[in-house]
Amino acid sequence: MQAAVDVIPIERATAPYFFGIDVGGTNIKIGLVDDRGQTLAVRKHPHAGRRGTAASS
């Protein structure tokens, strides 16, 4: 289970900003943080992923 993340408004953020993407087996997660590591946005999108022997090689 994913822990709750405190998201701050862009007006309180410190530039520069960093965007991250995590492509896992069942979900794609994206996030935006500022220079101090404060979370500005988080999204999680389920996907089917690839199945079969080609996916494991």
N, C-alpha and C. Protein backbone atom coordinates (compact mmCIF):
# COMPACT_ATOMS: atom_id res chain seq x y z
N MET A 1 0.84 -1.17 0.00
CA MET A 1 0.00 0.00 0.00
C MET A 1 0.89 1.24 0.00
N GLN A 2 0.53 2.21 -0.79
CA GLN A 2 1.33 3.42 -0.92
C GLN A 2 1.02 4.41 0.19
N ALA A 3 2.05 4.98 0.81
CA ALA A 3 1.87 5.96 1.86
C ALA A 3 1.39 7.28 1.25
N ALA A 4 0.63 8.03 2.05
CA ALA A 4 0.17 9.34 1.60
C ALA A 4 1.36 10.28 1.47
N VAL A 5 1.31 11.13 0.47
CA VAL A 5 2.39 12.07 0.20
C VAL A 5 1.84 13.49 0.35
N ASP A 6 2.55 14.33 1.12
CA ASP A 6 2.16 15.73 1.24
C ASP A 6 2.59 16.47 -0.02
N VAL A 7 1.64 17.10 -0.70
CA VAL A 7 1.91 17.84 -1.92
C VAL A 7 1.82 19.33 -1.60
N ILE A 8 2.85 20.09 -1.99
CA ILE A 8 2.84 21.53 -1.73
C ILE A 8 2.42 22.29 -2.99
N PRO A 9 1.88 23.48 -2.84
CA PRO A 9 1.54 24.29 -4.02
C PRO A 9 2.80 24.82 -4.70
N ILE A 10 2.73 25.04 -5.98
CA ILE A 10 3.88 25.51 -6.76
C ILE A 10 4.41 26.84 -6.23
N GLU A 11 3.55 27.65 -5.63
CA GLU A 11 3.98 28.96 -5.10
C GLU A 11 4.99 28.82 -3.96
N ARG A 12 4.99 27.67 -3.27
CA ARG A 12 5.93 27.44 -2.16
C ARG A 12 7.14 26.64 -2.58
N ALA A 13 7.23 26.27 -3.83
CA ALA A 13 8.32 25.42 -4.33
C ALA A 13 9.57 26.25 -4.63
N THR A 14 10.71 25.55 -4.64
CA THR A 14 11.99 26.16 -4.95
C THR A 14 12.55 25.54 -6.23
N ALA A 15 12.78 26.38 -7.24
CA ALA A 15 13.35 25.89 -8.50
C ALA A 15 14.80 25.49 -8.28
N PRO A 16 15.35 24.61 -9.06
CA PRO A 16 14.76 23.94 -10.23
C PRO A 16 13.86 22.79 -9.80
N TYR A 17 13.09 22.27 -10.76
CA TYR A 17 12.15 21.19 -10.52
C TYR A 17 12.67 19.92 -11.19
N PHE A 18 12.30 18.78 -10.63
CA PHE A 18 12.76 17.49 -11.15
C PHE A 18 11.56 16.57 -11.35
N PHE A 19 11.54 15.90 -12.50
CA PHE A 19 10.44 15.02 -12.90
C PHE A 19 10.95 13.59 -12.93
N GLY A 20 10.23 12.68 -12.31
CA GLY A 20 10.65 11.28 -12.28
C GLY A 20 9.57 10.37 -12.82
N ILE A 21 9.99 9.28 -13.45
CA ILE A 21 9.07 8.27 -13.99
C ILE A 21 9.53 6.90 -13.52
N ASP A 22 8.59 6.10 -13.03
CA ASP A 22 8.86 4.71 -12.62
C ASP A 22 7.93 3.82 -13.42
N VAL A 23 8.50 3.05 -14.36
CA VAL A 23 7.70 2.13 -15.17
C VAL A 23 7.90 0.74 -14.57
N GLY A 24 6.88 0.28 -13.87
CA GLY A 24 6.94 -1.03 -13.23
C GLY A 24 6.13 -2.05 -14.02
N GLY A 25 5.97 -3.22 -13.45
CA GLY A 25 5.26 -4.30 -14.13
C GLY A 25 3.76 -4.08 -14.22
N THR A 26 3.17 -3.37 -13.26
CA THR A 26 1.73 -3.16 -13.27
C THR A 26 1.31 -1.71 -13.18
N ASN A 27 2.25 -0.81 -12.90
CA ASN A 27 1.91 0.61 -12.76
C ASN A 27 3.00 1.49 -13.36
N ILE A 28 2.59 2.67 -13.78
CA ILE A 28 3.51 3.74 -14.16
C ILE A 28 3.27 4.85 -13.15
N LYS A 29 4.34 5.27 -12.47
CA LYS A 29 4.23 6.33 -11.48
C LYS A 29 5.06 7.52 -11.96
N ILE A 30 4.51 8.71 -11.82
CA ILE A 30 5.24 9.92 -12.18
C ILE A 30 5.18 10.90 -11.01
N GLY A 31 6.21 11.70 -10.87
CA GLY A 31 6.24 12.67 -9.80
C GLY A 31 7.06 13.89 -10.15
N LEU A 32 6.75 14.98 -9.50
CA LEU A 32 7.46 16.24 -9.68
C LEU A 32 7.86 16.74 -8.30
N VAL A 33 9.16 17.04 -8.11
CA VAL A 33 9.65 17.57 -6.84
C VAL A 33 10.46 18.83 -7.10
N ASP A 34 10.63 19.63 -6.05
CA ASP A 34 11.45 20.83 -6.20
C ASP A 34 12.87 20.55 -5.71
N ASP A 35 13.69 21.59 -5.66
CA ASP A 35 15.11 21.47 -5.31
C ASP A 35 15.32 20.98 -3.88
N ARG A 36 14.33 21.16 -3.01
CA ARG A 36 14.43 20.69 -1.62
C ARG A 36 13.80 19.32 -1.41
N GLY A 37 13.34 18.68 -2.51
CA GLY A 37 12.72 17.36 -2.41
C GLY A 37 11.26 17.39 -2.02
N GLN A 38 10.66 18.56 -2.02
CA GLN A 38 9.24 18.68 -1.69
C GLN A 38 8.40 18.25 -2.89
N THR A 39 7.39 17.45 -2.64
CA THR A 39 6.56 16.91 -3.71
C THR A 39 5.57 17.96 -4.21
N LEU A 40 5.55 18.14 -5.54
CA LEU A 40 4.61 19.07 -6.17
C LEU A 40 3.46 18.34 -6.84
N ALA A 41 3.70 17.13 -7.33
CA ALA A 41 2.66 16.34 -7.99
C ALA A 41 3.05 14.87 -8.00
N VAL A 42 2.05 14.00 -7.91
CA VAL A 42 2.25 12.55 -7.98
C VAL A 42 1.07 11.96 -8.73
N ARG A 43 1.35 11.04 -9.65
CA ARG A 43 0.29 10.33 -10.38
C ARG A 43 0.69 8.88 -10.51
N LYS A 44 -0.31 8.00 -10.50
CA LYS A 44 -0.09 6.56 -10.66
C LYS A 44 -1.11 6.05 -11.68
N HIS A 45 -0.62 5.35 -12.70
CA HIS A 45 -1.48 4.84 -13.76
C HIS A 45 -1.24 3.35 -13.92
N PRO A 46 -2.28 2.52 -13.75
CA PRO A 46 -2.11 1.08 -13.96
C PRO A 46 -1.94 0.76 -15.45
N HIS A 47 -1.18 -0.28 -15.73
CA HIS A 47 -1.06 -0.76 -17.10
C HIS A 47 -0.88 -2.27 -17.07
N ALA A 48 -1.20 -2.93 -18.18
CA ALA A 48 -1.16 -4.38 -18.23
C ALA A 48 0.27 -4.92 -18.30
N GLY A 49 1.18 -4.16 -18.86
CA GLY A 49 2.54 -4.64 -19.03
C GLY A 49 2.62 -5.74 -20.07
N ARG A 50 3.81 -6.21 -20.34
CA ARG A 50 3.99 -7.30 -21.30
C ARG A 50 3.97 -8.62 -20.57
N ARG A 51 3.40 -9.63 -21.21
CA ARG A 51 3.32 -10.95 -20.61
C ARG A 51 4.02 -11.97 -21.51
N GLY A 52 4.40 -13.08 -20.94
CA GLY A 52 5.01 -14.15 -21.72
C GLY A 52 6.51 -14.20 -21.55
N THR A 53 7.17 -15.08 -22.30
CA THR A 53 8.60 -15.27 -22.13
C THR A 53 9.42 -14.08 -22.58
N ALA A 54 8.93 -13.31 -23.54
CA ALA A 54 9.68 -12.13 -24.01
C ALA A 54 9.79 -11.09 -22.91
N ALA A 55 8.81 -11.02 -22.03
CA ALA A 55 8.83 -10.03 -20.97
C ALA A 55 9.88 -10.35 -19.91
N SER A 56 10.27 -11.60 -19.76
CA SER A 56 11.23 -11.96 -18.72
C SER A 56 12.67 -11.94 -19.19
N SER A 57 12.90 -11.74 -20.46
CA SER A 57 14.28 -11.76 -20.95
C SER A 57 14.86 -10.39 -21.13
